[in-house]
mmCIF file of all heavy atoms, coordinates in Angstrom:
data_MODEL
# 
_entry.id   MODEL 
# 
loop_
_atom_site.group_PDB 
_atom_site.id 
_atom_site.type_symbol 
_atom_site.label_atom_id 
_atom_site.label_alt_id 
_atom_site.label_comp_id 
_atom_site.label_asym_id 
_atom_site.label_entity_id 
_atom_site.label_seq_id 
_atom_site.pdbx_PDB_ins_code 
_atom_site.Cartn_x 
_atom_site.Cartn_y 
_atom_site.Cartn_z 
_atom_site.occupancy 
_atom_site.B_iso_or_equiv 
_atom_site.pdbx_formal_charge 
_atom_site.auth_seq_id 
_atom_site.auth_comp_id 
_atom_site.auth_asym_id 
_atom_site.auth_atom_id 
_atom_site.pdbx_PDB_model_num 
ATOM 1   N N   . LEU A 1 1  ? 4.413  -19.986 57.486 1.00 0.00 ? 1  LEU A N   1 
ATOM 2   C CA  . LEU A 1 1  ? 4.188  -18.556 57.564 1.00 0.00 ? 1  LEU A CA  1 
ATOM 3   C C   . LEU A 1 1  ? 3.321  -18.256 58.768 1.00 0.00 ? 1  LEU A C   1 
ATOM 4   O O   . LEU A 1 1  ? 2.317  -18.937 59.011 1.00 0.00 ? 1  LEU A O   1 
ATOM 5   C CB  . LEU A 1 1  ? 3.479  -18.072 56.284 1.00 0.00 ? 1  LEU A CB  1 
ATOM 6   C CG  . LEU A 1 1  ? 2.941  -16.626 56.273 1.00 0.00 ? 1  LEU A CG  1 
ATOM 7   C CD1 . LEU A 1 1  ? 4.091  -15.625 56.199 1.00 0.00 ? 1  LEU A CD1 1 
ATOM 8   C CD2 . LEU A 1 1  ? 2.002  -16.410 55.081 1.00 0.00 ? 1  LEU A CD2 1 
ATOM 9   N N   . VAL A 1 2  ? 3.689  -17.204 59.527 1.00 0.00 ? 2  VAL A N   1 
ATOM 10  C CA  . VAL A 1 2  ? 2.861  -16.781 60.665 1.00 0.00 ? 2  VAL A CA  1 
ATOM 11  C C   . VAL A 1 2  ? 2.493  -15.321 60.477 1.00 0.00 ? 2  VAL A C   1 
ATOM 12  O O   . VAL A 1 2  ? 3.368  -14.458 60.267 1.00 0.00 ? 2  VAL A O   1 
ATOM 13  C CB  . VAL A 1 2  ? 3.590  -16.976 62.004 1.00 0.00 ? 2  VAL A CB  1 
ATOM 14  C CG1 . VAL A 1 2  ? 2.636  -16.645 63.165 1.00 0.00 ? 2  VAL A CG1 1 
ATOM 15  C CG2 . VAL A 1 2  ? 4.115  -18.402 62.143 1.00 0.00 ? 2  VAL A CG2 1 
ATOM 16  N N   . ILE A 1 3  ? 1.209  -15.028 60.528 1.00 0.00 ? 3  ILE A N   1 
ATOM 17  C CA  . ILE A 1 3  ? 0.714  -13.663 60.436 1.00 0.00 ? 3  ILE A CA  1 
ATOM 18  C C   . ILE A 1 3  ? 0.169  -13.251 61.804 1.00 0.00 ? 3  ILE A C   1 
ATOM 19  O O   . ILE A 1 3  ? -0.644 -13.960 62.389 1.00 0.00 ? 3  ILE A O   1 
ATOM 20  C CB  . ILE A 1 3  ? -0.421 -13.542 59.390 1.00 0.00 ? 3  ILE A CB  1 
ATOM 21  C CG1 . ILE A 1 3  ? 0.085  -13.919 57.996 1.00 0.00 ? 3  ILE A CG1 1 
ATOM 22  C CG2 . ILE A 1 3  ? -1.011 -12.133 59.377 1.00 0.00 ? 3  ILE A CG2 1 
ATOM 23  C CD1 . ILE A 1 3  ? -1.033 -14.061 56.951 1.00 0.00 ? 3  ILE A CD1 1 
ATOM 24  N N   . PHE A 1 4  ? 0.660  -12.147 62.311 1.00 0.00 ? 4  PHE A N   1 
ATOM 25  C CA  . PHE A 1 4  ? 0.162  -11.599 63.577 1.00 0.00 ? 4  PHE A CA  1 
ATOM 26  C C   . PHE A 1 4  ? -0.719 -10.399 63.258 1.00 0.00 ? 4  PHE A C   1 
ATOM 27  O O   . PHE A 1 4  ? -0.225 -9.391  62.729 1.00 0.00 ? 4  PHE A O   1 
ATOM 28  C CB  . PHE A 1 4  ? 1.333  -11.196 64.497 1.00 0.00 ? 4  PHE A CB  1 
ATOM 29  C CG  . PHE A 1 4  ? 2.169  -12.360 64.916 1.00 0.00 ? 4  PHE A CG  1 
ATOM 30  C CD1 . PHE A 1 4  ? 3.333  -12.685 64.218 1.00 0.00 ? 4  PHE A CD1 1 
ATOM 31  C CD2 . PHE A 1 4  ? 1.811  -13.153 65.993 1.00 0.00 ? 4  PHE A CD2 1 
ATOM 32  C CE1 . PHE A 1 4  ? 4.114  -13.763 64.594 1.00 0.00 ? 4  PHE A CE1 1 
ATOM 33  C CE2 . PHE A 1 4  ? 2.589  -14.218 66.395 1.00 0.00 ? 4  PHE A CE2 1 
ATOM 34  C CZ  . PHE A 1 4  ? 3.748  -14.543 65.681 1.00 0.00 ? 4  PHE A CZ  1 
ATOM 35  N N   . GLN A 1 5  ? -1.998 -10.511 63.536 1.00 0.00 ? 5  GLN A N   1 
ATOM 36  C CA  . GLN A 1 5  ? -2.962 -9.457  63.206 1.00 0.00 ? 5  GLN A CA  1 
ATOM 37  C C   . GLN A 1 5  ? -3.420 -8.800  64.512 1.00 0.00 ? 5  GLN A C   1 
ATOM 38  O O   . GLN A 1 5  ? -4.022 -9.450  65.371 1.00 0.00 ? 5  GLN A O   1 
ATOM 39  C CB  . GLN A 1 5  ? -4.169 -10.076 62.489 1.00 0.00 ? 5  GLN A CB  1 
ATOM 40  C CG  . GLN A 1 5  ? -5.245 -9.069  62.109 1.00 0.00 ? 5  GLN A CG  1 
ATOM 41  C CD  . GLN A 1 5  ? -4.763 -8.081  61.054 1.00 0.00 ? 5  GLN A CD  1 
ATOM 42  O OE1 . GLN A 1 5  ? -4.321 -8.483  59.985 1.00 0.00 ? 5  GLN A OE1 1 
ATOM 43  N NE2 . GLN A 1 5  ? -4.843 -6.791  61.382 1.00 0.00 ? 5  GLN A NE2 1 
ATOM 44  N N   . PHE A 1 6  ? -3.137 -7.483  64.634 1.00 0.00 ? 6  PHE A N   1 
ATOM 45  C CA  . PHE A 1 6  ? -3.493 -6.833  65.901 1.00 0.00 ? 6  PHE A CA  1 
ATOM 46  C C   . PHE A 1 6  ? -3.513 -5.317  65.756 1.00 0.00 ? 6  PHE A C   1 
ATOM 47  O O   . PHE A 1 6  ? -2.889 -4.751  64.847 1.00 0.00 ? 6  PHE A O   1 
ATOM 48  C CB  . PHE A 1 6  ? -2.500 -7.214  67.005 1.00 0.00 ? 6  PHE A CB  1 
ATOM 49  C CG  . PHE A 1 6  ? -1.060 -6.806  66.737 1.00 0.00 ? 6  PHE A CG  1 
ATOM 50  C CD1 . PHE A 1 6  ? -0.562 -5.601  67.208 1.00 0.00 ? 6  PHE A CD1 1 
ATOM 51  C CD2 . PHE A 1 6  ? -0.210 -7.630  65.999 1.00 0.00 ? 6  PHE A CD2 1 
ATOM 52  C CE1 . PHE A 1 6  ? 0.754  -5.230  66.977 1.00 0.00 ? 6  PHE A CE1 1 
ATOM 53  C CE2 . PHE A 1 6  ? 1.096  -7.276  65.752 1.00 0.00 ? 6  PHE A CE2 1 
ATOM 54  C CZ  . PHE A 1 6  ? 1.584  -6.066  66.249 1.00 0.00 ? 6  PHE A CZ  1 
ATOM 55  N N   . PRO A 1 7  ? -4.211 -4.631  66.648 1.00 0.00 ? 7  PRO A N   1 
ATOM 56  C CA  . PRO A 1 7  ? -4.152 -3.174  66.707 1.00 0.00 ? 7  PRO A CA  1 
ATOM 57  C C   . PRO A 1 7  ? -2.949 -2.731  67.559 1.00 0.00 ? 7  PRO A C   1 
ATOM 58  O O   . PRO A 1 7  ? -2.662 -3.350  68.579 1.00 0.00 ? 7  PRO A O   1 
ATOM 59  C CB  . PRO A 1 7  ? -5.468 -2.793  67.409 1.00 0.00 ? 7  PRO A CB  1 
ATOM 60  C CG  . PRO A 1 7  ? -5.748 -3.962  68.313 1.00 0.00 ? 7  PRO A CG  1 
ATOM 61  C CD  . PRO A 1 7  ? -5.199 -5.183  67.609 1.00 0.00 ? 7  PRO A CD  1 
ATOM 62  N N   . LEU A 1 8  ? -2.260 -1.695  67.133 1.00 0.00 ? 8  LEU A N   1 
ATOM 63  C CA  . LEU A 1 8  ? -1.160 -1.166  67.926 1.00 0.00 ? 8  LEU A CA  1 
ATOM 64  C C   . LEU A 1 8  ? -1.723 -0.544  69.209 1.00 0.00 ? 8  LEU A C   1 
ATOM 65  O O   . LEU A 1 8  ? -2.603 0.303   69.139 1.00 0.00 ? 8  LEU A O   1 
ATOM 66  C CB  . LEU A 1 8  ? -0.394 -0.118  67.128 1.00 0.00 ? 8  LEU A CB  1 
ATOM 67  C CG  . LEU A 1 8  ? 0.935  0.351   67.702 1.00 0.00 ? 8  LEU A CG  1 
ATOM 68  C CD1 . LEU A 1 8  ? 1.988  -0.765  67.596 1.00 0.00 ? 8  LEU A CD1 1 
ATOM 69  C CD2 . LEU A 1 8  ? 1.452  1.603   66.988 1.00 0.00 ? 8  LEU A CD2 1 
ATOM 70  N N   . GLN A 1 9  ? -1.239 -0.970  70.350 1.00 0.00 ? 9  GLN A N   1 
ATOM 71  C CA  . GLN A 1 9  ? -1.711 -0.461  71.633 1.00 0.00 ? 9  GLN A CA  1 
ATOM 72  C C   . GLN A 1 9  ? -0.525 -0.004  72.471 1.00 0.00 ? 9  GLN A C   1 
ATOM 73  O O   . GLN A 1 9  ? 0.345  -0.812  72.776 1.00 0.00 ? 9  GLN A O   1 
ATOM 74  C CB  . GLN A 1 9  ? -2.540 -1.511  72.366 1.00 0.00 ? 9  GLN A CB  1 
ATOM 75  C CG  . GLN A 1 9  ? -3.838 -1.839  71.630 1.00 0.00 ? 9  GLN A CG  1 
ATOM 76  C CD  . GLN A 1 9  ? -4.714 -2.857  72.345 1.00 0.00 ? 9  GLN A CD  1 
ATOM 77  O OE1 . GLN A 1 9  ? -4.292 -3.514  73.275 1.00 0.00 ? 9  GLN A OE1 1 
ATOM 78  N NE2 . GLN A 1 9  ? -5.946 -2.998  71.898 1.00 0.00 ? 9  GLN A NE2 1 
ATOM 79  N N   . TRP A 1 10 ? -0.525 1.283   72.833 1.00 0.00 ? 10 TRP A N   1 
ATOM 80  C CA  . TRP A 1 10 ? 0.584  1.830   73.621 1.00 0.00 ? 10 TRP A CA  1 
ATOM 81  C C   . TRP A 1 10 ? 1.927  1.500   72.981 1.00 0.00 ? 10 TRP A C   1 
ATOM 82  O O   . TRP A 1 10 ? 2.877  1.096   73.645 1.00 0.00 ? 10 TRP A O   1 
ATOM 83  C CB  . TRP A 1 10 ? 0.498  1.364   75.080 1.00 0.00 ? 10 TRP A CB  1 
ATOM 84  C CG  . TRP A 1 10 ? -0.704 1.859   75.773 1.00 0.00 ? 10 TRP A CG  1 
ATOM 85  C CD1 . TRP A 1 10 ? -1.790 1.129   76.166 1.00 0.00 ? 10 TRP A CD1 1 
ATOM 86  C CD2 . TRP A 1 10 ? -0.998 3.225   76.109 1.00 0.00 ? 10 TRP A CD2 1 
ATOM 87  N NE1 . TRP A 1 10 ? -2.738 1.952   76.740 1.00 0.00 ? 10 TRP A NE1 1 
ATOM 88  C CE2 . TRP A 1 10 ? -2.281 3.233   76.733 1.00 0.00 ? 10 TRP A CE2 1 
ATOM 89  C CE3 . TRP A 1 10 ? -0.318 4.446   75.973 1.00 0.00 ? 10 TRP A CE3 1 
ATOM 90  C CZ2 . TRP A 1 10 ? -2.876 4.404   77.195 1.00 0.00 ? 10 TRP A CZ2 1 
ATOM 91  C CZ3 . TRP A 1 10 ? -0.929 5.607   76.435 1.00 0.00 ? 10 TRP A CZ3 1 
ATOM 92  C CH2 . TRP A 1 10 ? -2.184 5.570   77.037 1.00 0.00 ? 10 TRP A CH2 1 
ATOM 93  N N   . PHE A 1 11 ? 1.967  1.687   71.656 1.00 0.00 ? 11 PHE A N   1 
ATOM 94  C CA  . PHE A 1 11 ? 3.212  1.504   70.866 1.00 0.00 ? 11 PHE A CA  1 
ATOM 95  C C   . PHE A 1 11 ? 3.711  0.044   70.922 1.00 0.00 ? 11 PHE A C   1 
ATOM 96  O O   . PHE A 1 11 ? 4.893  -0.201  70.752 1.00 0.00 ? 11 PHE A O   1 
ATOM 97  C CB  . PHE A 1 11 ? 4.320  2.439   71.306 1.00 0.00 ? 11 PHE A CB  1 
ATOM 98  C CG  . PHE A 1 11 ? 4.115  3.879   70.894 1.00 0.00 ? 11 PHE A CG  1 
ATOM 99  C CD1 . PHE A 1 11 ? 2.884  4.348   70.499 1.00 0.00 ? 11 PHE A CD1 1 
ATOM 100 C CD2 . PHE A 1 11 ? 5.162  4.765   70.931 1.00 0.00 ? 11 PHE A CD2 1 
ATOM 101 C CE1 . PHE A 1 11 ? 2.687  5.667   70.126 1.00 0.00 ? 11 PHE A CE1 1 
ATOM 102 C CE2 . PHE A 1 11 ? 4.992  6.106   70.554 1.00 0.00 ? 11 PHE A CE2 1 
ATOM 103 C CZ  . PHE A 1 11 ? 3.760  6.561   70.159 1.00 0.00 ? 11 PHE A CZ  1 
ATOM 104 N N   . GLY A 1 12 ? 2.837  -0.880  71.145 1.00 0.00 ? 12 GLY A N   1 
ATOM 105 C CA  . GLY A 1 12 ? 3.250  -2.285  71.189 1.00 0.00 ? 12 GLY A CA  1 
ATOM 106 C C   . GLY A 1 12 ? 2.072  -3.201  70.901 1.00 0.00 ? 12 GLY A C   1 
ATOM 107 O O   . GLY A 1 12 ? 1.058  -2.787  70.353 1.00 0.00 ? 12 GLY A O   1 
ATOM 108 N N   . THR A 1 13 ? 2.226  -4.468  71.241 1.00 0.00 ? 13 THR A N   1 
ATOM 109 C CA  . THR A 1 13 ? 1.176  -5.438  71.005 1.00 0.00 ? 13 THR A CA  1 
ATOM 110 C C   . THR A 1 13 ? 0.136  -5.387  72.139 1.00 0.00 ? 13 THR A C   1 
ATOM 111 O O   . THR A 1 13 ? 0.451  -4.986  73.263 1.00 0.00 ? 13 THR A O   1 
ATOM 112 C CB  . THR A 1 13 ? 1.745  -6.867  70.962 1.00 0.00 ? 13 THR A CB  1 
ATOM 113 O OG1 . THR A 1 13 ? 2.317  -7.189  72.229 1.00 0.00 ? 13 THR A OG1 1 
ATOM 114 C CG2 . THR A 1 13 ? 2.811  -6.997  69.881 1.00 0.00 ? 13 THR A CG2 1 
ATOM 115 N N   . PRO A 1 14 ? -1.104 -5.806  71.879 1.00 0.00 ? 14 PRO A N   1 
ATOM 116 C CA  . PRO A 1 14 ? -2.066 -5.979  72.964 1.00 0.00 ? 14 PRO A CA  1 
ATOM 117 C C   . PRO A 1 14 ? -1.511 -6.967  73.997 1.00 0.00 ? 14 PRO A C   1 
ATOM 118 O O   . PRO A 1 14 ? -0.736 -7.863  73.665 1.00 0.00 ? 14 PRO A O   1 
ATOM 119 C CB  . PRO A 1 14 ? -3.287 -6.548  72.247 1.00 0.00 ? 14 PRO A CB  1 
ATOM 120 C CG  . PRO A 1 14 ? -3.156 -6.129  70.809 1.00 0.00 ? 14 PRO A CG  1 
ATOM 121 C CD  . PRO A 1 14 ? -1.680 -6.129  70.559 1.00 0.00 ? 14 PRO A CD  1 
ATOM 122 N N   . ALA A 1 15 ? -1.911 -6.801  75.238 1.00 0.00 ? 15 ALA A N   1 
ATOM 123 C CA  . ALA A 1 15 ? -1.378 -7.624  76.333 1.00 0.00 ? 15 ALA A CA  1 
ATOM 124 C C   . ALA A 1 15 ? -1.560 -9.123  76.061 1.00 0.00 ? 15 ALA A C   1 
ATOM 125 O O   . ALA A 1 15 ? -0.689 -9.929  76.394 1.00 0.00 ? 15 ALA A O   1 
ATOM 126 C CB  . ALA A 1 15 ? -2.050 -7.233  77.638 1.00 0.00 ? 15 ALA A CB  1 
ATOM 127 N N   . ILE A 1 16 ? -2.688 -9.479  75.453 1.00 0.00 ? 16 ILE A N   1 
ATOM 128 C CA  . ILE A 1 16 ? -2.951 -10.897 75.224 1.00 0.00 ? 16 ILE A CA  1 
ATOM 129 C C   . ILE A 1 16 ? -1.960 -11.499 74.244 1.00 0.00 ? 16 ILE A C   1 
ATOM 130 O O   . ILE A 1 16 ? -1.541 -12.663 74.366 1.00 0.00 ? 16 ILE A O   1 
ATOM 131 C CB  . ILE A 1 16 ? -4.416 -11.102 74.736 1.00 0.00 ? 16 ILE A CB  1 
ATOM 132 C CG1 . ILE A 1 16 ? -4.838 -12.552 74.958 1.00 0.00 ? 16 ILE A CG1 1 
ATOM 133 C CG2 . ILE A 1 16 ? -4.604 -10.674 73.293 1.00 0.00 ? 16 ILE A CG2 1 
ATOM 134 C CD1 . ILE A 1 16 ? -6.340 -12.781 74.818 1.00 0.00 ? 16 ILE A CD1 1 
ATOM 135 N N   . LEU A 1 17 ? -1.501 -10.706 73.255 1.00 0.00 ? 17 LEU A N   1 
ATOM 136 C CA  . LEU A 1 17 ? -0.487 -11.184 72.320 1.00 0.00 ? 17 LEU A CA  1 
ATOM 137 C C   . LEU A 1 17 ? 0.893  -11.184 72.953 1.00 0.00 ? 17 LEU A C   1 
ATOM 138 O O   . LEU A 1 17 ? 1.695  -12.095 72.740 1.00 0.00 ? 17 LEU A O   1 
ATOM 139 C CB  . LEU A 1 17 ? -0.499 -10.336 71.041 1.00 0.00 ? 17 LEU A CB  1 
ATOM 140 C CG  . LEU A 1 17 ? 0.547  -10.708 69.994 1.00 0.00 ? 17 LEU A CG  1 
ATOM 141 C CD1 . LEU A 1 17 ? 0.442  -12.183 69.585 1.00 0.00 ? 17 LEU A CD1 1 
ATOM 142 C CD2 . LEU A 1 17 ? 0.389  -9.812  68.747 1.00 0.00 ? 17 LEU A CD2 1 
ATOM 143 N N   . LYS A 1 18 ? 1.179  -10.171 73.759 1.00 0.00 ? 18 LYS A N   1 
ATOM 144 C CA  . LYS A 1 18 ? 2.462  -10.161 74.476 1.00 0.00 ? 18 LYS A CA  1 
ATOM 145 C C   . LYS A 1 18 ? 2.573  -11.396 75.365 1.00 0.00 ? 18 LYS A C   1 
ATOM 146 O O   . LYS A 1 18 ? 3.632  -12.040 75.451 1.00 0.00 ? 18 LYS A O   1 
ATOM 147 C CB  . LYS A 1 18 ? 2.575  -8.892  75.320 1.00 0.00 ? 18 LYS A CB  1 
ATOM 148 C CG  . LYS A 1 18 ? 3.872  -8.724  76.095 1.00 0.00 ? 18 LYS A CG  1 
ATOM 149 C CD  . LYS A 1 18 ? 5.070  -8.603  75.187 1.00 0.00 ? 18 LYS A CD  1 
ATOM 150 C CE  . LYS A 1 18 ? 6.293  -8.028  75.897 1.00 0.00 ? 18 LYS A CE  1 
ATOM 151 N NZ  . LYS A 1 18 ? 6.745  -8.771  77.074 1.00 0.00 ? 18 LYS A NZ  1 
ATOM 152 N N   . GLY A 1 19 ? 1.456  -11.745 75.991 1.00 0.00 ? 19 GLY A N   1 
ATOM 153 C CA  . GLY A 1 19 ? 1.459  -12.932 76.822 1.00 0.00 ? 19 GLY A CA  1 
ATOM 154 C C   . GLY A 1 19 ? 1.612  -14.220 76.007 1.00 0.00 ? 19 GLY A C   1 
ATOM 155 O O   . GLY A 1 19 ? 2.226  -15.182 76.482 1.00 0.00 ? 19 GLY A O   1 
ATOM 156 N N   . TRP A 1 20 ? 1.079  -14.213 74.800 1.00 0.00 ? 20 TRP A N   1 
ATOM 157 C CA  . TRP A 1 20 ? 1.261  -15.371 73.910 1.00 0.00 ? 20 TRP A CA  1 
ATOM 158 C C   . TRP A 1 20 ? 2.734  -15.555 73.599 1.00 0.00 ? 20 TRP A C   1 
ATOM 159 O O   . TRP A 1 20 ? 3.266  -16.664 73.673 1.00 0.00 ? 20 TRP A O   1 
ATOM 160 C CB  . TRP A 1 20 ? 0.451  -15.157 72.618 1.00 0.00 ? 20 TRP A CB  1 
ATOM 161 C CG  . TRP A 1 20 ? 0.405  -16.340 71.681 1.00 0.00 ? 20 TRP A CG  1 
ATOM 162 C CD1 . TRP A 1 20 ? -0.567 -17.310 71.637 1.00 0.00 ? 20 TRP A CD1 1 
ATOM 163 C CD2 . TRP A 1 20 ? 1.338  -16.637 70.639 1.00 0.00 ? 20 TRP A CD2 1 
ATOM 164 N NE1 . TRP A 1 20 ? -0.268 -18.209 70.633 1.00 0.00 ? 20 TRP A NE1 1 
ATOM 165 C CE2 . TRP A 1 20 ? 0.874  -17.819 69.992 1.00 0.00 ? 20 TRP A CE2 1 
ATOM 166 C CE3 . TRP A 1 20 ? 2.510  -16.042 70.157 1.00 0.00 ? 20 TRP A CE3 1 
ATOM 167 C CZ2 . TRP A 1 20 ? 1.547  -18.404 68.925 1.00 0.00 ? 20 TRP A CZ2 1 
ATOM 168 C CZ3 . TRP A 1 20 ? 3.177  -16.642 69.100 1.00 0.00 ? 20 TRP A CZ3 1 
ATOM 169 C CH2 . TRP A 1 20 ? 2.700  -17.796 68.493 1.00 0.00 ? 20 TRP A CH2 1 
ATOM 170 N N   . PHE A 1 21 ? 3.425  -14.444 73.286 1.00 0.00 ? 21 PHE A N   1 
ATOM 171 C CA  . PHE A 1 21 ? 4.871  -14.522 73.044 1.00 0.00 ? 21 PHE A CA  1 
ATOM 172 C C   . PHE A 1 21 ? 5.593  -15.064 74.289 1.00 0.00 ? 21 PHE A C   1 
ATOM 173 O O   . PHE A 1 21 ? 6.448  -15.945 74.196 1.00 0.00 ? 21 PHE A O   1 
ATOM 174 C CB  . PHE A 1 21 ? 5.437  -13.129 72.724 1.00 0.00 ? 21 PHE A CB  1 
ATOM 175 C CG  . PHE A 1 21 ? 5.080  -12.606 71.346 1.00 0.00 ? 21 PHE A CG  1 
ATOM 176 C CD1 . PHE A 1 21 ? 4.775  -11.263 71.159 1.00 0.00 ? 21 PHE A CD1 1 
ATOM 177 C CD2 . PHE A 1 21 ? 5.059  -13.439 70.246 1.00 0.00 ? 21 PHE A CD2 1 
ATOM 178 C CE1 . PHE A 1 21 ? 4.470  -10.765 69.910 1.00 0.00 ? 21 PHE A CE1 1 
ATOM 179 C CE2 . PHE A 1 21 ? 4.744  -12.951 68.978 1.00 0.00 ? 21 PHE A CE2 1 
ATOM 180 C CZ  . PHE A 1 21 ? 4.430  -11.601 68.805 1.00 0.00 ? 21 PHE A CZ  1 
ATOM 181 N N   . GLU A 1 22 ? 5.225  -14.548 75.457 1.00 0.00 ? 22 GLU A N   1 
ATOM 182 C CA  . GLU A 1 22 ? 5.956  -14.915 76.678 1.00 0.00 ? 22 GLU A CA  1 
ATOM 183 C C   . GLU A 1 22 ? 5.737  -16.364 77.063 1.00 0.00 ? 22 GLU A C   1 
ATOM 184 O O   . GLU A 1 22 ? 6.645  -17.031 77.570 1.00 0.00 ? 22 GLU A O   1 
ATOM 185 C CB  . GLU A 1 22 ? 5.532  -13.993 77.828 1.00 0.00 ? 22 GLU A CB  1 
ATOM 186 C CG  . GLU A 1 22 ? 6.003  -12.555 77.634 1.00 0.00 ? 22 GLU A CG  1 
ATOM 187 C CD  . GLU A 1 22 ? 5.595  -11.624 78.766 1.00 0.00 ? 22 GLU A CD  1 
ATOM 188 O OE1 . GLU A 1 22 ? 4.901  -12.093 79.695 1.00 0.00 ? 22 GLU A OE1 1 
ATOM 189 O OE2 . GLU A 1 22 ? 5.941  -10.435 78.713 1.00 0.00 ? 22 GLU A OE2 1 
ATOM 190 N N   . ARG A 1 23 ? 4.536  -16.876 76.848 1.00 0.00 ? 23 ARG A N   1 
ATOM 191 C CA  . ARG A 1 23 ? 4.227  -18.246 77.264 1.00 0.00 ? 23 ARG A CA  1 
ATOM 192 C C   . ARG A 1 23 ? 4.564  -19.293 76.207 1.00 0.00 ? 23 ARG A C   1 
ATOM 193 O O   . ARG A 1 23 ? 4.941  -20.413 76.537 1.00 0.00 ? 23 ARG A O   1 
ATOM 194 C CB  . ARG A 1 23 ? 2.752  -18.358 77.651 1.00 0.00 ? 23 ARG A CB  1 
ATOM 195 C CG  . ARG A 1 23 ? 2.374  -17.547 78.890 1.00 0.00 ? 23 ARG A CG  1 
ATOM 196 C CD  . ARG A 1 23 ? 0.916  -17.789 79.256 1.00 0.00 ? 23 ARG A CD  1 
ATOM 197 N NE  . ARG A 1 23 ? 0.732  -19.119 79.808 1.00 0.00 ? 23 ARG A NE  1 
ATOM 198 C CZ  . ARG A 1 23 ? -0.276 -19.918 79.451 1.00 0.00 ? 23 ARG A CZ  1 
ATOM 199 N NH1 . ARG A 1 23 ? -1.155 -19.535 78.533 1.00 0.00 ? 23 ARG A NH1 1 
ATOM 200 N NH2 . ARG A 1 23 ? -0.410 -21.134 79.973 1.00 0.00 ? 23 ARG A NH2 1 
ATOM 201 N N   . VAL A 1 24 ? 4.457  -18.941 74.939 1.00 0.00 ? 24 VAL A N   1 
ATOM 202 C CA  . VAL A 1 24 ? 4.662  -19.912 73.850 1.00 0.00 ? 24 VAL A CA  1 
ATOM 203 C C   . VAL A 1 24 ? 6.123  -20.004 73.434 1.00 0.00 ? 24 VAL A C   1 
ATOM 204 O O   . VAL A 1 24 ? 6.644  -21.091 73.158 1.00 0.00 ? 24 VAL A O   1 
ATOM 205 C CB  . VAL A 1 24 ? 3.754  -19.580 72.641 1.00 0.00 ? 24 VAL A CB  1 
ATOM 206 C CG1 . VAL A 1 24 ? 4.038  -20.517 71.476 1.00 0.00 ? 24 VAL A CG1 1 
ATOM 207 C CG2 . VAL A 1 24 ? 2.282  -19.647 73.054 1.00 0.00 ? 24 VAL A CG2 1 
ATOM 208 N N   . LEU A 1 25 ? 6.810  -18.870 73.372 1.00 0.00 ? 25 LEU A N   1 
ATOM 209 C CA  . LEU A 1 25 ? 8.186  -18.843 72.884 1.00 0.00 ? 25 LEU A CA  1 
ATOM 210 C C   . LEU A 1 25 ? 9.180  -19.177 73.990 1.00 0.00 ? 25 LEU A C   1 
ATOM 211 O O   . LEU A 1 25 ? 10.015 -18.383 74.395 1.00 0.00 ? 25 LEU A O   1 
ATOM 212 C CB  . LEU A 1 25 ? 8.495  -17.477 72.260 1.00 0.00 ? 25 LEU A CB  1 
ATOM 213 C CG  . LEU A 1 25 ? 7.589  -17.066 71.095 1.00 0.00 ? 25 LEU A CG  1 
ATOM 214 C CD1 . LEU A 1 25 ? 8.000  -15.717 70.534 1.00 0.00 ? 25 LEU A CD1 1 
ATOM 215 C CD2 . LEU A 1 25 ? 7.565  -18.112 69.975 1.00 0.00 ? 25 LEU A CD2 1 
ATOM 216 N N   . ILE A 1 26 ? 9.073  -20.406 74.464 1.00 0.00 ? 26 ILE A N   1 
ATOM 217 C CA  . ILE A 1 26 ? 9.882  -20.886 75.582 1.00 0.00 ? 26 ILE A CA  1 
ATOM 218 C C   . ILE A 1 26 ? 11.321 -21.160 75.099 1.00 0.00 ? 26 ILE A C   1 
ATOM 219 O O   . ILE A 1 26 ? 11.550 -21.552 73.958 1.00 0.00 ? 26 ILE A O   1 
ATOM 220 C CB  . ILE A 1 26 ? 9.280  -22.221 76.092 1.00 0.00 ? 26 ILE A CB  1 
ATOM 221 C CG1 . ILE A 1 26 ? 7.869  -21.974 76.667 1.00 0.00 ? 26 ILE A CG1 1 
ATOM 222 C CG2 . ILE A 1 26 ? 10.182 -22.874 77.130 1.00 0.00 ? 26 ILE A CG2 1 
ATOM 223 C CD1 . ILE A 1 26 ? 7.812  -21.230 77.940 1.00 0.00 ? 26 ILE A CD1 1 
# 
């Protein structure tokens, strides 16, 4: 199970989480 905990920012994820998706989900 993976829980993503974050505040909605500009109708999306915070930049640091977006970057986690981009770098980790290769």
